[in-house]
Amino acid sequence: REKKFYWHLKLVFPHCHAEYTLKGVPDDKTLADILKPYIDPVESDPVVCQRLKIYTASPRSDVQILMKVENRKQNSVRYNELDASRSLLDNLKGKVIIEYPTLFVVLKTLKKDMVVLGQDASESAENSDSESSSLSSMEEGEIRDSS
């Protein structure tokens, strides 16, 4: 009737080892509005605010929302960066979702091993690792082929 989709969402705050599950989130709600009850210093629940203190104390510009890219090899995990000012629908358009969206709320200064798709600077450090691992897998393949 409303021509809206209501999502089941999981919010993961890795720097605080916290997870929250939301049900019935309308697809036209912005990600910033979805996060307000959790990390807004004024509008968030005091108990939640205390648990997520590192997020509420950080500037909004440091908060990044990531979603894992599905259908990738286990050793090459990548994330899509989502835009907090856009709606859930806009952010999920064209992306593969298995079961329900899981959003990782991270701080840019603290995320170490979460590589965002298309960010060469962070990937170049990892490329040396992936090149060596792909070389070793090619060698293994060559050994298998010869026997």
C-alpha atoms as a PDB file:
ATOM      1  CA  ARG A   1       0.000   0.000   0.000  1.00  0.00           C
ATOM      2  CA  GLU A   2       2.688   2.506   0.979  1.00  0.00           C
ATOM      3  CA  LYS A   3       5.041   1.210  -1.741  1.00  0.00           C
ATOM      4  CA  LYS A   4       7.758   0.844   0.877  1.00  0.00           C
ATOM      5  CA  PHE A   5       9.869  -2.078   1.922  1.00  0.00           C
ATOM      6  CA  TYR A   6      10.501  -2.605   5.619  1.00  0.00           C
ATOM      7  CA  TRP A   7      13.931  -4.049   6.369  1.00  0.00           C
ATOM      8  CA  HIS A   8      15.356  -6.190   9.115  1.00  0.00           C
ATOM      9  CA  LEU A   9      18.784  -4.592   9.786  1.00  0.00           C
ATOM     10  CA  LYS A  10      21.793  -5.533  11.848  1.00  0.00           C
ATOM     11  CA  LEU A  11      24.065  -2.732  13.069  1.00  0.00           C
ATOM     12  CA  VAL A  12      27.556  -3.791  14.087  1.00  0.00           C
ATOM     13  CA  PHE A  13      29.792  -1.436  16.057  1.00  0.00           C
ATOM     14  CA  PRO A  14      33.112  -3.340  15.919  1.00  0.00           C
ATOM     15  CA  HIS A  15      35.138  -0.900  18.034  1.00  0.00           C
ATOM     16  CA  CYS A  16      32.777  -1.499  20.981  1.00  0.00           C
ATOM     17  CA  HIS A  17      31.983  -5.152  20.220  1.00  0.00           C
ATOM     18  CA  ALA A  18      28.296  -4.229  20.073  1.00  0.00           C
ATOM     19  CA  GLU A  19      25.526  -5.433  17.755  1.00  0.00           C
ATOM     20  CA  TYR A  20      21.928  -4.279  17.487  1.00  0.00           C
ATOM     21  CA  THR A  21      19.122  -5.769  15.417  1.00  0.00           C
ATOM     22  CA  LEU A  22      16.376  -3.517  14.085  1.00  0.00           C
ATOM     23  CA  LYS A  23      13.088  -4.706  12.620  1.00  0.00           C
ATOM     24  CA  GLY A  24      10.671  -2.892  10.350  1.00  0.00           C
ATOM     25  CA  VAL A  25      13.028  -0.137   9.168  1.00  0.00           C
ATOM     26  CA  PRO A  26      11.368   1.719   6.257  1.00  0.00           C
ATOM     27  CA  ASP A  27      13.495   1.918   3.103  1.00  0.00           C
ATOM     28  CA  ASP A  28      13.027   5.702   2.816  1.00  0.00           C
ATOM     29  CA  LYS A  29      14.714   6.414   6.167  1.00  0.00           C
ATOM     30  CA  THR A  30      18.234   7.875   5.918  1.00  0.00           C
ATOM     31  CA  LEU A  31      21.152   6.030   7.467  1.00  0.00           C
ATOM     32  CA  ALA A  32      21.888   9.092   9.620  1.00  0.00           C
ATOM     33  CA  ASP A  33      18.358   8.849  11.085  1.00  0.00           C
ATOM     34  CA  ILE A  34      18.752   5.100  11.619  1.00  0.00           C
ATOM     35  CA  LEU A  35      21.976   5.704  13.587  1.00  0.00           C
ATOM     36  CA  LYS A  36      20.692   8.658  15.659  1.00  0.00           C
ATOM     37  CA  PRO A  37      19.319   6.531  18.531  1.00  0.00           C
ATOM     38  CA  TYR A  38      22.745   4.901  18.846  1.00  0.00           C
ATOM     39  CA  ILE A  39      25.489   7.467  18.283  1.00  0.00           C
ATOM     40  CA  ASP A  40      23.913  10.929  18.453  1.00  0.00           C
ATOM     41  CA  PRO A  41      25.255  12.582  21.646  1.00  0.00           C
ATOM     42  CA  VAL A  42      21.899  14.296  22.294  1.00  0.00           C
ATOM     43  CA  GLU A  43      19.237  11.933  20.936  1.00  0.00           C
ATOM     44  CA  SER A  44      20.661   8.513  21.807  1.00  0.00           C
ATOM     45  CA  ASP A  45      19.536   6.334  24.689  1.00  0.00           C
ATOM     46  CA  PRO A  46      21.859   6.988  27.694  1.00  0.00           C
ATOM     47  CA  VAL A  47      22.670   3.288  28.210  1.00  0.00           C
ATOM     48  CA  VAL A  48      23.428   2.745  24.521  1.00  0.00           C
ATOM     49  CA  CYS A  49      25.328   6.051  24.427  1.00  0.00           C
ATOM     50  CA  GLN A  50      27.532   4.880  27.293  1.00  0.00           C
ATOM     51  CA  ARG A  51      28.292   1.594  25.567  1.00  0.00           C
ATOM     52  CA  LEU A  52      29.078   3.331  22.258  1.00  0.00           C
ATOM     53  CA  LYS A  53      30.955   6.218  23.894  1.00  0.00           C
ATOM     54  CA  ILE A  54      33.841   6.087  21.390  1.00  0.00           C
ATOM     55  CA  TYR A  55      31.322   6.779  18.572  1.00  0.00           C
ATOM     56  CA  THR A  56      29.344   9.522  20.307  1.00  0.00           C
ATOM     57  CA  ALA A  57      32.588  11.329  21.207  1.00  0.00           C
ATOM     58  CA  SER A  58      33.882  11.178  17.621  1.00  0.00           C
ATOM     59  CA  PRO A  59      33.021  13.789  14.990  1.00  0.00           C
ATOM     60  CA  ARG A  60      30.299  12.696  12.515  1.00  0.00           C
ATOM     61  CA  SER A  61      32.822  13.024   9.672  1.00  0.00           C
ATOM     62  CA  ASP A  62      34.880  10.198  11.212  1.00  0.00           C
ATOM     63  CA  VAL A  63      31.945   7.763  11.284  1.00  0.00           C
ATOM     64  CA  GLN A  64      31.825   5.488   8.253  1.00  0.00           C
ATOM     65  CA  ILE A  65      29.073   3.002   7.372  1.00  0.00           C
ATOM     66  CA  LEU A  66      30.219  -0.093   5.515  1.00  0.00           C
ATOM     67  CA  MET A  67      28.453  -3.127   4.092  1.00  0.00           C
ATOM     68  CA  LYS A  68      30.288  -6.301   3.145  1.00  0.00           C
ATOM     69  CA  VAL A  69      30.384  -7.094  -0.583  1.00  0.00           C
ATOM     70  CA  GLU A  70      28.822 -10.544  -1.011  1.00  0.00           C
ATOM     71  CA  ASN A  71      29.953 -13.288  -3.415  1.00  0.00           C
ATOM     72  CA  ARG A  72      33.690 -12.682  -3.007  1.00  0.00           C
ATOM     73  CA  LYS A  73      36.396 -15.170  -2.144  1.00  0.00           C
ATOM     74  CA  GLN A  74      36.903 -15.718   1.586  1.00  0.00           C
ATOM     75  CA  ASN A  75      40.391 -14.182   1.531  1.00  0.00           C
ATOM     76  CA  SER A  76      39.411 -11.033  -0.388  1.00  0.00           C
ATOM     77  CA  VAL A  77      36.730  -9.406   1.756  1.00  0.00           C
ATOM     78  CA  ARG A  78      35.750  -5.909   0.599  1.00  0.00           C
ATOM     79  CA  TYR A  79      33.176  -3.396   1.810  1.00  0.00           C
ATOM     80  CA  ASN A  80      30.941  -0.845   0.103  1.00  0.00           C
ATOM     81  CA  GLU A  81      30.916   2.539   1.770  1.00  0.00           C
ATOM     82  CA  LEU A  82      27.375   3.782   2.284  1.00  0.00           C
ATOM     83  CA  ASP A  83      26.222   7.398   2.349  1.00  0.00           C
ATOM     84  CA  ALA A  84      24.647   8.372   5.690  1.00  0.00           C
ATOM     85  CA  SER A  85      22.734  11.255   4.118  1.00  0.00           C
ATOM     86  CA  ARG A  86      20.926   8.977   1.624  1.00  0.00           C
ATOM     87  CA  SER A  87      18.039   6.607   2.232  1.00  0.00           C
ATOM     88  CA  LEU A  88      18.401   2.916   2.958  1.00  0.00           C
ATOM     89  CA  LEU A  89      16.859   2.165  -0.451  1.00  0.00           C
ATOM     90  CA  ASP A  90      19.388   4.365  -2.300  1.00  0.00           C
ATOM     91  CA  ASN A  91      22.281   2.767  -0.425  1.00  0.00           C
ATOM     92  CA  LEU A  92      21.140  -0.806  -1.063  1.00  0.00           C
ATOM     93  CA  LYS A  93      20.299  -0.355  -4.763  1.00  0.00           C
ATOM     94  CA  GLY A  94      22.334  -2.657  -6.996  1.00  0.00           C
ATOM     95  CA  LYS A  95      23.938  -4.552  -4.099  1.00  0.00           C
ATOM     96  CA  VAL A  96      23.699  -8.259  -3.277  1.00  0.00           C
ATOM     97  CA  ILE A  97      22.089  -8.881   0.111  1.00  0.00           C
ATOM     98  CA  ILE A  98      21.936 -12.281   1.747  1.00  0.00           C
ATOM     99  CA  GLU A  99      19.194 -12.639   4.355  1.00  0.00           C
ATOM    100  CA  TYR A 100      19.274  -9.013   5.592  1.00  0.00           C
ATOM    101  CA  PRO A 101      21.673  -6.054   5.428  1.00  0.00           C
ATOM    102  CA  THR A 102      24.435  -5.931   8.035  1.00  0.00           C
ATOM    103  CA  LEU A 103      25.875  -2.445   8.406  1.00  0.00           C
ATOM    104  CA  PHE A 104      29.291  -2.005  10.006  1.00  0.00           C
ATOM    105  CA  VAL A 105      29.602   1.355  11.722  1.00  0.00           C
ATOM    106  CA  VAL A 106      33.321   2.125  11.976  1.00  0.00           C
ATOM    107  CA  LEU A 107      35.563   5.041  12.756  1.00  0.00           C
ATOM    108  CA  LYS A 108      37.904   5.928   9.889  1.00  0.00           C
ATOM    109  CA  THR A 109      40.798   6.425  12.289  1.00  0.00           C
ATOM    110  CA  LEU A 110      40.420   2.963  13.836  1.00  0.00           C
ATOM    111  CA  LYS A 111      39.428   0.671  10.965  1.00  0.00           C
ATOM    112  CA  LYS A 112      42.511  -1.299  10.042  1.00  0.00           C
ATOM    113  CA  ASP A 113      41.637  -4.375   8.058  1.00  0.00           C
ATOM    114  CA  MET A 114      38.352  -3.316   6.441  1.00  0.00           C
ATOM    115  CA  VAL A 115      39.135  -2.544   2.794  1.00  0.00           C
ATOM    116  CA  VAL A 116      36.585  -0.396   0.988  1.00  0.00           C
ATOM    117  CA  LEU A 117      35.953  -1.371  -2.620  1.00  0.00           C
ATOM    118  CA  GLY A 118      37.813   0.929  -5.032  1.00  0.00           C
ATOM    119  CA  GLN A 119      40.088   2.607  -2.486  1.00  0.00           C
ATOM    120  CA  ASP A 120      43.521   1.996  -3.967  1.00  0.00           C
ATOM    121  CA  ALA A 121      45.525   3.495  -1.118  1.00  0.00           C
ATOM    122  CA  SER A 122      44.328   0.949   1.403  1.00  0.00           C
ATOM    123  CA  GLU A 123      44.375  -1.861  -1.164  1.00  0.00           C
ATOM    124  CA  SER A 124      47.982  -1.263  -2.234  1.00  0.00           C
ATOM    125  CA  ALA A 125      49.260  -2.282   1.193  1.00  0.00           C
ATOM    126  CA  GLU A 126      47.223  -5.443   0.920  1.00  0.00           C
ATOM    127  CA  ASN A 127      48.157  -6.157  -2.705  1.00  0.00           C
ATOM    128  CA  SER A 128      51.628  -7.321  -1.720  1.00  0.00           C
ATOM    129  CA  ASP A 129      50.022  -9.939   0.538  1.00  0.00           C
ATOM    130  CA  SER A 130      47.464 -11.017  -2.046  1.00  0.00           C
ATOM    131  CA  GLU A 131      50.111 -11.212  -4.790  1.00  0.00           C
ATOM    132  CA  SER A 132      52.281 -13.503  -2.708  1.00  0.00           C
ATOM    133  CA  SER A 133      49.293 -15.666  -1.783  1.00  0.00           C
ATOM    134  CA  SER A 134      48.146 -15.838  -5.413  1.00  0.00           C
ATOM    135  CA  LEU A 135      51.687 -16.802  -6.462  1.00  0.00           C
ATOM    136  CA  SER A 136      51.756 -19.598  -3.922  1.00  0.00           C
ATOM    137  CA  SER A 137      48.354 -20.829  -5.113  1.00  0.00           C
ATOM    138  CA  MET A 138      49.575 -20.756  -8.740  1.00  0.00           C
ATOM    139  CA  GLU A 139      52.630 -22.769  -7.722  1.00  0.00           C
ATOM    140  CA  GLU A 140      50.386 -25.246  -5.943  1.00  0.00           C
ATOM    141  CA  GLY A 141      48.248 -25.439  -9.082  1.00  0.00           C
ATOM    142  CA  GLU A 142      51.317 -26.071 -11.236  1.00  0.00           C
ATOM    143  CA  ILE A 143      52.475 -28.806  -8.916  1.00  0.00           C
ATOM    144  CA  ARG A 144      49.051 -30.430  -9.042  1.00  0.00           C
ATOM    145  CA  ASP A 145      48.933 -30.172 -12.843  1.00  0.00           C
ATOM    146  CA  SER A 146      52.285 -31.917 -13.288  1.00  0.00           C
ATOM    147  CA  SER A 147      51.404 -34.959 -11.142  1.00  0.00           C
END
